[in-house]
Every structure is written in C-alpha cells, then in structure tokens.
Amino acid sequence: MSKYKASSVFESFRFALNGIFICLKSQLNFRIEVILAIMGLIVAFYLRFTYVELAIYTFTVGLMLFAEMMNTVFEFVIDAYFGNKYSMLAKMGKDICAGAVFFISFISIGIGILLFLPKIYSLLVFKF
C-alpha cells in the first residue's frame, strides 16, 4: 500500500481537500449542510455569539459534516463491494448509517435551537 501513501504533509492535505470536494460534488445533502452552516455562522456573528457558543456551534457543525462524510464513505465502499447489486445486508448497513446521520441531525437542530433561540428572542424583545 506504500504506493498510495502521501509523500509529504502537503500531499496529505491535497488528498484531504480532494475528499471534501468529492463530497461536495457527489452529495446534495452535504452541499446543503455546508451552505446552512455558513449561513448559521453569519447569523451567529450578527447575534454576537460568545467564544464558547461559537465553539459549540462549530463542533456541532463539524460533527454533522463528519457524519455525512462517513455515511458517504460507507455507501461508496458498500456499493463497490457489492458491485452496485442489491443486497439486503448492504441495504441494512446503509440504512443504519443514514439513521446515524438522521440522529446527529436532530441533535444538531436541538443544539442550534438552544444557541440561537434565546439570542433571537432577546433581540426581538429589546427591539420592540
């Protein structure tokens, strides 16, 4: 496997960025999540999130994107292994992985509500 090994740190970074671009090109949900994350970050700066709130937001977004990327890897590997042929085991594995992403999505939404709602509420109450 040494022929696939990165020869430098910069090449490792290039491989990593290539993986992110593959996800962006091939996965609609990943693109949507990245756009929502950027929009959320802009709103967080507007609402003057503290460093701790920004750290929680960033960690939550990172966890969500990580889960989506792992789901993508799992789907690619399963499809390659089964040659894009139907298998009940492949379906079960993919469904479980998608369920994990779904689970993380709800946790992320809950954390987003806990972070954003009080700030938006206080902004609306004190403006009117």
N, C-alpha and C. Protein backbone atom coordinates (compact mmCIF):
# COMPACT_ATOMS: atom_id res chain seq x y z
N MET A 1 0.82 -1.20 0.00
CA MET A 1 0.00 0.00 0.00
C MET A 1 0.86 1.26 0.00
N SER A 2 2.17 1.12 0.00
CA SER A 2 3.02 2.30 0.07
C SER A 2 2.89 3.19 -1.16
N LYS A 3 2.42 2.62 -2.28
CA LYS A 3 2.26 3.48 -3.45
C LYS A 3 1.12 4.48 -3.29
N TYR A 4 0.23 4.24 -2.33
CA TYR A 4 -0.88 5.16 -2.08
C TYR A 4 -0.58 6.11 -0.92
N LYS A 5 0.58 5.96 -0.32
CA LYS A 5 0.96 6.77 0.82
C LYS A 5 1.40 8.17 0.35
N ALA A 6 1.00 9.17 1.10
CA ALA A 6 1.39 10.54 0.77
C ALA A 6 2.88 10.71 1.00
N SER A 7 3.53 11.39 0.09
CA SER A 7 4.98 11.60 0.21
C SER A 7 5.32 12.82 1.06
N SER A 8 4.34 13.67 1.34
CA SER A 8 4.58 14.85 2.17
C SER A 8 3.28 15.26 2.86
N VAL A 9 3.43 16.16 3.81
CA VAL A 9 2.26 16.69 4.52
C VAL A 9 1.35 17.44 3.55
N PHE A 10 1.97 18.17 2.62
CA PHE A 10 1.18 18.93 1.67
C PHE A 10 0.36 18.02 0.76
N GLU A 11 0.93 16.88 0.40
CA GLU A 11 0.18 15.92 -0.40
C GLU A 11 -0.98 15.32 0.40
N SER A 12 -0.77 15.11 1.70
CA SER A 12 -1.86 14.65 2.57
C SER A 12 -3.00 15.66 2.60
N PHE A 13 -2.64 16.95 2.69
CA PHE A 13 -3.65 17.99 2.66
C PHE A 13 -4.40 17.99 1.33
N ARG A 14 -3.67 17.77 0.25
CA ARG A 14 -4.29 17.73 -1.07
C ARG A 14 -5.28 16.58 -1.16
N PHE A 15 -4.90 15.41 -0.63
CA PHE A 15 -5.81 14.27 -0.62
C PHE A 15 -7.06 14.57 0.21
N ALA A 16 -6.86 15.21 1.36
CA ALA A 16 -7.99 15.54 2.23
C ALA A 16 -8.94 16.52 1.55
N LEU A 17 -8.38 17.56 0.93
CA LEU A 17 -9.21 18.54 0.22
C LEU A 17 -9.94 17.88 -0.95
N ASN A 18 -9.26 16.96 -1.62
CA ASN A 18 -9.90 16.22 -2.70
C ASN A 18 -11.11 15.43 -2.18
N GLY A 19 -10.98 14.85 -1.00
CA GLY A 19 -12.10 14.13 -0.39
C GLY A 19 -13.28 15.04 -0.10
N ILE A 20 -12.99 16.23 0.39
CA ILE A 20 -14.06 17.20 0.66
C ILE A 20 -14.73 17.61 -0.65
N PHE A 21 -13.94 17.85 -1.70
CA PHE A 21 -14.52 18.24 -2.99
C PHE A 21 -15.34 17.10 -3.60
N ILE A 22 -14.92 15.86 -3.40
CA ILE A 22 -15.71 14.72 -3.87
C ILE A 22 -17.07 14.71 -3.18
N CYS A 23 -17.05 14.96 -1.88
CA CYS A 23 -18.32 15.01 -1.13
C CYS A 23 -19.19 16.15 -1.63
N LEU A 24 -18.59 17.31 -1.84
CA LEU A 24 -19.36 18.45 -2.33
C LEU A 24 -19.96 18.19 -3.70
N LYS A 25 -19.20 17.52 -4.57
CA LYS A 25 -19.69 17.26 -5.93
C LYS A 25 -20.75 16.16 -5.97
N SER A 26 -20.61 15.17 -5.10
CA SER A 26 -21.47 13.98 -5.24
C SER A 26 -22.66 13.94 -4.28
N GLN A 27 -22.64 14.75 -3.23
CA GLN A 27 -23.67 14.63 -2.20
C GLN A 27 -24.45 15.93 -2.02
N LEU A 28 -25.69 15.92 -2.45
CA LEU A 28 -26.55 17.09 -2.33
C LEU A 28 -26.73 17.49 -0.87
N ASN A 29 -26.97 16.52 0.00
CA ASN A 29 -27.17 16.84 1.42
C ASN A 29 -25.96 17.53 2.02
N PHE A 30 -24.77 17.09 1.63
CA PHE A 30 -23.54 17.71 2.14
C PHE A 30 -23.46 19.17 1.69
N ARG A 31 -23.78 19.43 0.43
CA ARG A 31 -23.77 20.81 -0.07
C ARG A 31 -24.77 21.67 0.70
N ILE A 32 -25.96 21.15 0.92
CA ILE A 32 -26.99 21.89 1.66
C ILE A 32 -26.50 22.18 3.08
N GLU A 33 -25.90 21.18 3.72
CA GLU A 33 -25.43 21.35 5.09
C GLU A 33 -24.30 22.38 5.17
N VAL A 34 -23.41 22.39 4.19
CA VAL A 34 -22.33 23.38 4.17
C VAL A 34 -22.91 24.79 4.01
N ILE A 35 -23.87 24.95 3.11
CA ILE A 35 -24.50 26.26 2.91
C ILE A 35 -25.22 26.71 4.18
N LEU A 36 -25.97 25.81 4.81
CA LEU A 36 -26.65 26.16 6.06
C LEU A 36 -25.66 26.48 7.17
N ALA A 37 -24.55 25.77 7.21
CA ALA A 37 -23.54 26.03 8.23
C ALA A 37 -22.94 27.42 8.05
N ILE A 38 -22.66 27.80 6.83
CA ILE A 38 -22.11 29.13 6.56
C ILE A 38 -23.14 30.21 6.91
N MET A 39 -24.38 29.99 6.52
CA MET A 39 -25.44 30.95 6.87
C MET A 39 -25.58 31.06 8.38
N GLY A 40 -25.53 29.93 9.07
CA GLY A 40 -25.62 29.94 10.53
C GLY A 40 -24.47 30.67 11.17
N LEU A 41 -23.29 30.52 10.60
CA LEU A 41 -22.12 31.22 11.12
C LEU A 41 -22.25 32.73 10.97
N ILE A 42 -22.78 33.15 9.83
CA ILE A 42 -23.02 34.58 9.61
C ILE A 42 -24.02 35.12 10.64
N VAL A 43 -25.10 34.38 10.85
CA VAL A 43 -26.11 34.79 11.84
C VAL A 43 -25.50 34.80 13.25
N ALA A 44 -24.66 33.80 13.53
CA ALA A 44 -24.02 33.73 14.86
C ALA A 44 -23.15 34.95 15.11
N PHE A 45 -22.43 35.40 14.10
CA PHE A 45 -21.63 36.63 14.26
C PHE A 45 -22.51 37.85 14.43
N TYR A 46 -23.61 37.90 13.69
CA TYR A 46 -24.55 39.00 13.82
C TYR A 46 -25.15 39.05 15.23
N LEU A 47 -25.46 37.86 15.77
CA LEU A 47 -26.05 37.78 17.11
C LEU A 47 -25.01 37.88 18.23
N ARG A 48 -23.76 38.08 17.85
CA ARG A 48 -22.65 38.25 18.79
C ARG A 48 -22.51 37.06 19.74
N PHE A 49 -22.39 35.87 19.14
CA PHE A 49 -22.15 34.68 19.94
C PHE A 49 -20.84 34.85 20.72
N THR A 50 -20.81 34.30 21.92
CA THR A 50 -19.58 34.28 22.69
C THR A 50 -18.64 33.23 22.08
N TYR A 51 -17.40 33.22 22.54
CA TYR A 51 -16.45 32.23 22.05
C TYR A 51 -16.92 30.81 22.35
N VAL A 52 -17.50 30.62 23.51
CA VAL A 52 -17.99 29.29 23.89
C VAL A 52 -19.15 28.88 22.97
N GLU A 53 -20.07 29.80 22.73
CA GLU A 53 -21.20 29.50 21.83
C GLU A 53 -20.70 29.19 20.42
N LEU A 54 -19.72 29.95 19.95
CA LEU A 54 -19.14 29.68 18.62
C LEU A 54 -18.45 28.32 18.60
N ALA A 55 -17.77 27.98 19.68
CA ALA A 55 -17.11 26.68 19.75
C ALA A 55 -18.13 25.55 19.72
N ILE A 56 -19.21 25.70 20.45
CA ILE A 56 -20.27 24.68 20.45
C ILE A 56 -20.89 24.57 19.06
N TYR A 57 -21.16 25.72 18.44
CA TYR A 57 -21.74 25.73 17.09
C TYR A 57 -20.79 25.05 16.09
N THR A 58 -19.52 25.42 16.15
CA THR A 58 -18.53 24.85 15.23
C THR A 58 -18.38 23.36 15.43
N PHE A 59 -18.35 22.92 16.67
CA PHE A 59 -18.25 21.48 16.96
C PHE A 59 -19.47 20.74 16.42
N THR A 60 -20.64 21.30 16.63
CA THR A 60 -21.88 20.67 16.17
C THR A 60 -21.91 20.57 14.65
N VAL A 61 -21.54 21.65 13.97
CA VAL A 61 -21.50 21.64 12.51
C VAL A 61 -20.46 20.63 12.03
N GLY A 62 -19.31 20.62 12.67
CA GLY A 62 -18.26 19.66 12.30
C GLY A 62 -18.70 18.23 12.48
N LEU A 63 -19.41 17.95 13.55
CA LEU A 63 -19.93 16.60 13.79
C LEU A 63 -20.94 16.21 12.72
N MET A 64 -21.79 17.15 12.35
CA MET A 64 -22.79 16.88 11.32
C MET A 64 -22.12 16.58 9.98
N LEU A 65 -21.17 17.41 9.59
CA LEU A 65 -20.48 17.21 8.31
C LEU A 65 -19.65 15.92 8.34
N PHE A 66 -19.04 15.63 9.48
CA PHE A 66 -18.28 14.38 9.63
C PHE A 66 -19.20 13.17 9.45
N ALA A 67 -20.36 13.20 10.08
CA ALA A 67 -21.31 12.10 9.96
C ALA A 67 -21.74 11.91 8.50
N GLU A 68 -21.99 13.01 7.82
CA GLU A 68 -22.39 12.94 6.41
C GLU A 68 -21.27 12.36 5.55
N MET A 69 -20.04 12.76 5.84
CA MET A 69 -18.91 12.24 5.08
C MET A 69 -18.70 10.75 5.35
N MET A 70 -18.84 10.32 6.59
CA MET A 70 -18.69 8.90 6.91
C MET A 70 -19.81 8.08 6.26
N ASN A 71 -21.00 8.64 6.20
CA ASN A 71 -22.10 7.97 5.51
C ASN A 71 -21.77 7.80 4.03
N THR A 72 -21.19 8.83 3.43
CA THR A 72 -20.80 8.77 2.03
C THR A 72 -19.74 7.70 1.81
N VAL A 73 -18.73 7.67 2.68
CA VAL A 73 -17.69 6.64 2.57
C VAL A 73 -18.30 5.26 2.66
N PHE A 74 -19.16 5.07 3.63
CA PHE A 74 -19.80 3.76 3.83
C PHE A 74 -20.58 3.36 2.58
N GLU A 75 -21.35 4.28 2.02
CA GLU A 75 -22.13 3.96 0.83
C GLU A 75 -21.23 3.62 -0.35
N PHE A 76 -20.15 4.38 -0.56
CA PHE A 76 -19.22 4.10 -1.66
C PHE A 76 -18.58 2.72 -1.50
N VAL A 77 -18.14 2.40 -0.29
CA VAL A 77 -17.47 1.11 -0.04
C VAL A 77 -18.45 -0.04 -0.24
N ILE A 78 -19.66 0.10 0.29
CA ILE A 78 -20.66 -0.96 0.14
C ILE A 78 -21.02 -1.15 -1.33
N ASP A 79 -21.21 -0.05 -2.05
CA ASP A 79 -21.53 -0.16 -3.48
C ASP A 79 -20.39 -0.83 -4.24
N ALA A 80 -19.16 -0.49 -3.91
CA ALA A 80 -18.02 -1.10 -4.59
C ALA A 80 -17.93 -2.59 -4.27
N TYR A 81 -18.15 -2.94 -3.01
CA TYR A 81 -18.06 -4.33 -2.59
C TYR A 81 -19.13 -5.20 -3.25
N PHE A 82 -20.35 -4.68 -3.29
CA PHE A 82 -21.46 -5.45 -3.85
C PHE A 82 -21.64 -5.18 -5.34
N GLY A 83 -20.77 -4.38 -5.94
CA GLY A 83 -20.85 -4.11 -7.37
C GLY A 83 -22.16 -3.47 -7.79
N ASN A 84 -22.68 -2.58 -6.94
CA ASN A 84 -23.95 -1.88 -7.20
C ASN A 84 -25.13 -2.83 -7.38
N LYS A 85 -24.99 -4.06 -6.89
CA LYS A 85 -26.10 -5.01 -6.93
C LYS A 85 -26.83 -4.97 -5.60
N TYR A 86 -28.13 -5.27 -5.65
CA TYR A 86 -28.94 -5.22 -4.44
C TYR A 86 -28.53 -6.33 -3.47
N SER A 87 -28.44 -5.97 -2.22
CA SER A 87 -28.20 -6.92 -1.14
C SER A 87 -28.94 -6.41 0.09
N MET A 88 -29.63 -7.32 0.76
CA MET A 88 -30.36 -6.93 1.97
C MET A 88 -29.39 -6.46 3.05
N LEU A 89 -28.22 -7.12 3.16
CA LEU A 89 -27.22 -6.68 4.15
C LEU A 89 -26.68 -5.29 3.82
N ALA A 90 -26.44 -5.03 2.54
CA ALA A 90 -25.97 -3.70 2.13
C ALA A 90 -27.03 -2.66 2.45
N LYS A 91 -28.30 -2.99 2.18
CA LYS A 91 -29.39 -2.05 2.46
C LYS A 91 -29.47 -1.77 3.96
N MET A 92 -29.37 -2.81 4.76
CA MET A 92 -29.43 -2.62 6.21
C MET A 92 -28.29 -1.74 6.71
N GLY A 93 -27.08 -2.00 6.22
CA GLY A 93 -25.92 -1.20 6.62
C GLY A 93 -26.08 0.25 6.21
N LYS A 94 -26.53 0.47 4.98
CA LYS A 94 -26.73 1.85 4.51
C LYS A 94 -27.83 2.54 5.29
N ASP A 95 -28.90 1.83 5.59
CA ASP A 95 -30.00 2.41 6.36
C ASP A 95 -29.55 2.79 7.77
N ILE A 96 -28.75 1.93 8.38
CA ILE A 96 -28.25 2.23 9.73
C ILE A 96 -27.36 3.46 9.70
N CYS A 97 -26.49 3.53 8.72
CA CYS A 97 -25.59 4.69 8.60
C CYS A 97 -26.40 5.96 8.33
N ALA A 98 -27.41 5.88 7.48
CA ALA A 98 -28.27 7.03 7.23
C ALA A 98 -29.03 7.41 8.50
N GLY A 99 -29.42 6.40 9.27
CA GLY A 99 -30.09 6.67 10.55
C GLY A 99 -29.18 7.40 11.52
N ALA A 100 -27.90 7.07 11.51
CA ALA A 100 -26.94 7.77 12.36
C ALA A 100 -26.84 9.25 11.97
N VAL A 101 -26.83 9.52 10.68
CA VAL A 101 -26.79 10.91 10.21
C VAL A 101 -28.08 11.62 10.62
N PHE A 102 -29.21 10.94 10.48
CA PHE A 102 -30.51 11.49 10.87
C PHE A 102 -30.51 11.83 12.36
N PHE A 103 -29.97 10.92 13.17
CA PHE A 103 -29.89 11.11 14.61
C PHE A 103 -29.04 12.34 14.95
N ILE A 104 -27.87 12.45 14.33
CA ILE A 104 -26.99 13.60 14.55
C ILE A 104 -27.67 14.90 14.08
N SER A 105 -28.47 14.80 13.00
CA SER A 105 -29.19 15.98 12.51
C SER A 105 -30.12 16.53 13.57
N PHE A 106 -30.86 15.64 14.23
CA PHE A 106 -31.79 16.10 15.27
C PHE A 106 -31.04 16.67 16.46
N ILE A 107 -29.92 16.08 16.83
CA ILE A 107 -29.12 16.63 17.91
C ILE A 107 -28.61 18.02 17.52
N SER A 108 -28.15 18.15 16.28
CA SER A 108 -27.65 19.45 15.79
C SER A 108 -28.75 20.50 15.79
N ILE A 109 -29.93 20.12 15.36
CA ILE A 109 -31.06 21.06 15.37
C ILE A 109 -31.38 21.48 16.80
N GLY A 110 -31.37 20.53 17.72
CA GLY A 110 -31.63 20.85 19.13
C GLY A 110 -30.60 21.81 19.69
N ILE A 111 -29.33 21.57 19.40
CA ILE A 111 -28.28 22.46 19.86
C ILE A 111 -28.42 23.84 19.21
N GLY A 112 -28.77 23.85 17.92
CA GLY A 112 -28.99 25.12 17.23
C GLY A 112 -30.11 25.92 17.86
N ILE A 113 -31.19 25.24 18.23
CA ILE A 113 -32.30 25.92 18.90
C ILE A 113 -31.85 26.49 20.24
N LEU A 114 -31.09 25.70 21.00
CA LEU A 114 -30.60 26.17 22.30
C LEU A 114 -29.65 27.37 22.17
N LEU A 115 -28.90 27.40 21.09
CA LEU A 115 -27.95 28.50 20.90
C LEU A 115 -28.60 29.75 20.30
N PHE A 116 -29.43 29.56 19.28
CA PHE A 116 -29.94 30.70 18.52
C PHE A 116 -31.22 31.30 19.10
N LEU A 117 -32.13 30.47 19.59
CA LEU A 117 -33.43 30.96 20.02
C LEU A 117 -33.35 32.03 21.11
N PRO A 118 -32.59 31.82 22.19
CA PRO A 118 -32.52 32.89 23.21
C PRO A 118 -31.97 34.21 22.66
N LYS A 119 -30.99 34.12 21.77
CA LYS A 119 -30.41 35.34 21.19
C LYS A 119 -31.43 36.06 20.31
N ILE A 120 -32.14 35.29 19.50
CA ILE A 120 -33.15 35.89 18.61
C ILE A 120 -34.29 36.46 19.44
N TYR A 121 -34.71 35.72 20.48
CA TYR A 121 -35.78 36.19 21.35
C TYR A 121 -35.40 37.50 22.02
N SER A 122 -34.20 37.57 22.60
CA SER A 122 -33.80 38.81 23.28
C SER A 122 -33.64 39.95 22.29
N LEU A 123 -33.22 39.66 21.08
CA LEU A 123 -33.12 40.68 20.06
C LEU A 123 -34.49 41.25 19.71
N LEU A 124 -35.48 40.37 19.58
CA LEU A 124 -36.84 40.80 19.24
C LEU A 124 -37.51 41.53 20.40
N VAL A 125 -37.31 41.05 21.62
CA VAL A 125 -37.95 41.65 22.78
C VAL A 125 -37.39 43.06 23.04
N PHE A 126 -36.10 43.22 22.95
CA PHE A 126 -35.49 44.51 23.28
C PHE A 126 -35.58 45.52 22.12
N LYS A 127 -35.90 45.05 20.91
CA LYS A 127 -36.04 45.98 19.79
C LYS A 127 -37.44 46.60 19.75
N PHE A 128 -38.43 45.87 20.27
CA PHE A 128 -39.81 46.36 20.16
C PHE A 128 -40.30 46.89 21.46
